Amino acid sequence: MANPTVSVFTIMKDEVDILGYSIMSFYDHVDELVYLEHGSTDGTLEMIRYIKDKYDKENKIKLLIEPDFDVMDIDAYEGANNRVI
């Protein structure tokens, strides 16, 4: 069996204060970071785009933008490409 790949799936809204910590804590340990952004007004979306453009050399960070996301909407998890979430 091939080595499993690991994705971290994070739902965020108005999380600019902790976004950098979240990315740094997982980046070296996973194959993919999927951030679902749903309507932030505090600069979260701009910050994740900045971090992705400046630091994501391995292209691990994926950004899904779903302003009308409902936490119960399981289809959003299809944004992750790996086997372990």
N, C-alpha and C. Protein backbone atom coordinates (compact mmCIF):
# COMPACT_ATOMS: atom_id res chain seq x y z
N MET A 1 0.84 -1.18 0.00
CA MET A 1 0.00 0.00 0.00
C MET A 1 0.88 1.24 0.00
N ALA A 2 0.55 2.20 -0.83
CA ALA A 2 1.29 3.45 -0.89
C ALA A 2 1.08 4.24 0.40
N ASN A 3 2.01 5.14 0.67
CA ASN A 3 1.87 5.99 1.85
C ASN A 3 0.62 6.84 1.70
N PRO A 4 -0.20 6.90 2.74
CA PRO A 4 -1.39 7.75 2.66
C PRO A 4 -0.98 9.21 2.60
N THR A 5 -1.80 10.00 1.96
CA THR A 5 -1.58 11.43 1.94
C THR A 5 -2.54 12.07 2.94
N VAL A 6 -2.15 13.21 3.45
CA VAL A 6 -2.92 13.84 4.53
C VAL A 6 -3.30 15.26 4.14
N SER A 7 -4.58 15.58 4.31
CA SER A 7 -5.09 16.94 4.10
C SER A 7 -5.60 17.48 5.43
N VAL A 8 -5.40 18.76 5.63
CA VAL A 8 -6.04 19.47 6.75
C VAL A 8 -7.10 20.35 6.11
N PHE A 9 -8.33 20.22 6.59
CA PHE A 9 -9.45 20.99 6.06
C PHE A 9 -9.90 21.94 7.16
N THR A 10 -9.84 23.25 6.90
CA THR A 10 -10.17 24.25 7.90
C THR A 10 -11.26 25.17 7.36
N ILE A 11 -12.31 25.32 8.14
CA ILE A 11 -13.37 26.27 7.82
C ILE A 11 -13.07 27.54 8.59
N MET A 12 -13.02 28.67 7.89
CA MET A 12 -12.65 29.89 8.60
C MET A 12 -13.53 31.06 8.20
N LYS A 13 -13.72 31.92 9.17
CA LYS A 13 -14.40 33.19 8.95
C LYS A 13 -13.87 34.16 10.00
N ASP A 14 -13.32 35.26 9.53
CA ASP A 14 -12.75 36.28 10.42
C ASP A 14 -11.69 35.68 11.34
N GLU A 15 -10.70 35.03 10.76
CA GLU A 15 -9.64 34.35 11.51
C GLU A 15 -8.26 34.93 11.22
N VAL A 16 -8.18 36.17 10.79
CA VAL A 16 -6.90 36.74 10.40
C VAL A 16 -5.86 36.67 11.52
N ASP A 17 -6.30 36.75 12.77
CA ASP A 17 -5.37 36.75 13.91
C ASP A 17 -4.68 35.40 14.11
N ILE A 18 -5.29 34.31 13.68
CA ILE A 18 -4.69 32.98 13.92
C ILE A 18 -4.30 32.25 12.65
N LEU A 19 -4.59 32.82 11.50
CA LEU A 19 -4.36 32.15 10.23
C LEU A 19 -2.90 31.73 10.03
N GLY A 20 -1.98 32.64 10.28
CA GLY A 20 -0.55 32.32 10.12
C GLY A 20 -0.12 31.19 11.02
N TYR A 21 -0.58 31.19 12.26
CA TYR A 21 -0.24 30.11 13.19
C TYR A 21 -0.79 28.78 12.71
N SER A 22 -2.01 28.81 12.17
CA SER A 22 -2.62 27.59 11.67
C SER A 22 -1.79 27.00 10.54
N ILE A 23 -1.43 27.82 9.58
CA ILE A 23 -0.64 27.35 8.44
C ILE A 23 0.72 26.83 8.90
N MET A 24 1.41 27.58 9.74
CA MET A 24 2.75 27.17 10.19
C MET A 24 2.72 25.89 10.99
N SER A 25 1.66 25.65 11.76
CA SER A 25 1.62 24.46 12.60
C SER A 25 1.42 23.18 11.80
N PHE A 26 0.83 23.28 10.62
CA PHE A 26 0.56 22.09 9.81
C PHE A 26 1.45 21.93 8.59
N TYR A 27 1.98 23.01 8.05
CA TYR A 27 2.56 23.02 6.71
C TYR A 27 3.58 21.90 6.47
N ASP A 28 4.51 21.72 7.36
CA ASP A 28 5.57 20.73 7.16
C ASP A 28 5.12 19.29 7.42
N HIS A 29 3.91 19.10 7.92
CA HIS A 29 3.46 17.78 8.35
C HIS A 29 2.37 17.17 7.48
N VAL A 30 1.86 17.92 6.53
CA VAL A 30 0.76 17.43 5.70
C VAL A 30 1.08 17.64 4.22
N ASP A 31 0.27 17.03 3.38
CA ASP A 31 0.43 17.15 1.94
C ASP A 31 -0.41 18.27 1.36
N GLU A 32 -1.42 18.70 2.10
CA GLU A 32 -2.35 19.68 1.57
C GLU A 32 -3.06 20.38 2.72
N LEU A 33 -3.23 21.69 2.58
CA LEU A 33 -4.02 22.50 3.51
C LEU A 33 -5.16 23.11 2.72
N VAL A 34 -6.38 22.76 3.06
CA VAL A 34 -7.55 23.29 2.37
C VAL A 34 -8.26 24.25 3.33
N TYR A 35 -8.36 25.50 2.91
CA TYR A 35 -9.04 26.51 3.72
C TYR A 35 -10.32 26.92 3.02
N LEU A 36 -11.44 26.73 3.69
CA LEU A 36 -12.73 27.16 3.17
C LEU A 36 -13.08 28.48 3.84
N GLU A 37 -13.13 29.52 3.05
CA GLU A 37 -13.39 30.88 3.53
C GLU A 37 -14.84 31.21 3.21
N HIS A 38 -15.57 31.70 4.21
CA HIS A 38 -16.99 31.96 3.95
C HIS A 38 -17.46 33.29 4.52
N GLY A 39 -16.94 34.35 3.91
CA GLY A 39 -17.49 35.67 4.21
C GLY A 39 -16.76 36.50 5.23
N SER A 40 -15.46 36.33 5.37
CA SER A 40 -14.71 37.13 6.34
C SER A 40 -14.72 38.60 5.96
N THR A 41 -14.67 39.45 6.98
CA THR A 41 -14.61 40.90 6.76
C THR A 41 -13.40 41.52 7.44
N ASP A 42 -12.52 40.70 8.01
CA ASP A 42 -11.38 41.22 8.78
C ASP A 42 -10.04 41.11 8.05
N GLY A 43 -10.04 40.76 6.77
CA GLY A 43 -8.79 40.62 6.03
C GLY A 43 -8.27 39.19 5.93
N THR A 44 -9.05 38.23 6.39
CA THR A 44 -8.63 36.83 6.34
C THR A 44 -8.34 36.39 4.91
N LEU A 45 -9.21 36.69 3.99
CA LEU A 45 -9.05 36.27 2.61
C LEU A 45 -7.78 36.87 2.00
N GLU A 46 -7.55 38.14 2.24
CA GLU A 46 -6.35 38.80 1.73
C GLU A 46 -5.09 38.20 2.35
N MET A 47 -5.15 37.87 3.63
CA MET A 47 -3.98 37.30 4.32
C MET A 47 -3.64 35.92 3.78
N ILE A 48 -4.61 35.07 3.58
CA ILE A 48 -4.30 33.74 3.07
C ILE A 48 -3.76 33.82 1.65
N ARG A 49 -4.28 34.73 0.85
CA ARG A 49 -3.74 34.92 -0.50
C ARG A 49 -2.29 35.39 -0.45
N TYR A 50 -1.99 36.30 0.48
CA TYR A 50 -0.63 36.79 0.65
C TYR A 50 0.32 35.65 1.07
N ILE A 51 -0.09 34.88 2.06
CA ILE A 51 0.74 33.76 2.54
C ILE A 51 0.95 32.75 1.42
N LYS A 52 -0.10 32.42 0.70
CA LYS A 52 0.01 31.46 -0.40
C LYS A 52 0.98 31.97 -1.46
N ASP A 53 0.84 33.21 -1.87
CA ASP A 53 1.70 33.78 -2.92
C ASP A 53 3.16 33.88 -2.49
N LYS A 54 3.38 34.25 -1.24
CA LYS A 54 4.74 34.52 -0.77
C LYS A 54 5.48 33.27 -0.26
N TYR A 55 4.77 32.36 0.40
CA TYR A 55 5.45 31.27 1.12
C TYR A 55 5.11 29.85 0.65
N ASP A 56 4.07 29.68 -0.12
CA ASP A 56 3.62 28.32 -0.47
C ASP A 56 4.33 27.80 -1.72
N LYS A 57 5.62 27.55 -1.61
CA LYS A 57 6.43 27.09 -2.74
C LYS A 57 6.04 25.69 -3.20
N GLU A 58 5.50 24.88 -2.30
CA GLU A 58 5.11 23.50 -2.63
C GLU A 58 3.66 23.40 -3.10
N ASN A 59 2.98 24.52 -3.16
CA ASN A 59 1.59 24.57 -3.61
C ASN A 59 0.68 23.65 -2.78
N LYS A 60 0.87 23.67 -1.48
CA LYS A 60 0.05 22.85 -0.58
C LYS A 60 -1.25 23.53 -0.19
N ILE A 61 -1.28 24.85 -0.22
CA ILE A 61 -2.45 25.59 0.26
C ILE A 61 -3.48 25.72 -0.84
N LYS A 62 -4.70 25.26 -0.53
CA LYS A 62 -5.83 25.39 -1.43
C LYS A 62 -6.86 26.29 -0.75
N LEU A 63 -7.43 27.20 -1.51
CA LEU A 63 -8.42 28.12 -0.96
C LEU A 63 -9.75 27.92 -1.67
N LEU A 64 -10.77 27.61 -0.90
CA LEU A 64 -12.13 27.52 -1.42
C LEU A 64 -12.90 28.71 -0.87
N ILE A 65 -13.60 29.40 -1.72
CA ILE A 65 -14.38 30.56 -1.29
C ILE A 65 -15.85 30.23 -1.49
N GLU A 66 -16.56 30.12 -0.38
CA GLU A 66 -17.98 29.76 -0.39
C GLU A 66 -18.73 30.69 0.57
N PRO A 67 -19.12 31.89 0.11
CA PRO A 67 -19.76 32.85 1.01
C PRO A 67 -21.03 32.32 1.67
N ASP A 68 -21.73 31.42 1.00
CA ASP A 68 -22.99 30.91 1.54
C ASP A 68 -22.84 29.53 2.18
N PHE A 69 -21.62 29.18 2.57
CA PHE A 69 -21.35 27.86 3.13
C PHE A 69 -22.15 27.62 4.41
N ASP A 70 -22.70 26.44 4.50
CA ASP A 70 -23.38 25.97 5.70
C ASP A 70 -22.53 24.84 6.27
N VAL A 71 -22.25 24.88 7.55
CA VAL A 71 -21.39 23.88 8.19
C VAL A 71 -21.87 22.46 7.90
N MET A 72 -23.12 22.29 7.67
CA MET A 72 -23.66 20.96 7.40
C MET A 72 -23.50 20.55 5.93
N ASP A 73 -22.92 21.40 5.11
CA ASP A 73 -22.77 21.12 3.68
C ASP A 73 -21.54 20.24 3.45
N ILE A 74 -21.73 18.96 3.52
CA ILE A 74 -20.64 18.00 3.44
C ILE A 74 -19.94 18.02 2.08
N ASP A 75 -20.60 18.50 1.04
CA ASP A 75 -19.99 18.55 -0.29
C ASP A 75 -18.73 19.39 -0.31
N ALA A 76 -18.58 20.31 0.60
CA ALA A 76 -17.39 21.16 0.64
C ALA A 76 -16.13 20.34 0.86
N TYR A 77 -16.22 19.20 1.52
CA TYR A 77 -15.05 18.38 1.77
C TYR A 77 -14.48 17.77 0.50
N GLU A 78 -15.22 17.81 -0.58
CA GLU A 78 -14.70 17.32 -1.84
C GLU A 78 -13.56 18.19 -2.35
N GLY A 79 -13.34 19.36 -1.73
CA GLY A 79 -12.23 20.22 -2.10
C GLY A 79 -10.88 19.63 -1.73
N ALA A 80 -10.85 18.66 -0.84
CA ALA A 80 -9.61 18.01 -0.44
C ALA A 80 -9.30 16.87 -1.42
N ASN A 81 -8.04 16.74 -1.77
CA ASN A 81 -7.63 15.74 -2.76
C ASN A 81 -7.07 14.46 -2.15
N ASN A 82 -6.79 14.44 -0.88
CA ASN A 82 -6.07 13.33 -0.29
C ASN A 82 -6.97 12.36 0.46
N ARG A 83 -6.38 11.27 0.90
CA ARG A 83 -7.14 10.17 1.48
C ARG A 83 -7.43 10.35 2.97
N VAL A 84 -6.60 11.09 3.68
CA VAL A 84 -6.81 11.28 5.11
C VAL A 84 -7.05 12.75 5.36
N ILE A 85 -8.18 13.05 6.00
CA ILE A 85 -8.52 14.45 6.29
C ILE A 85 -8.64 14.62 7.78
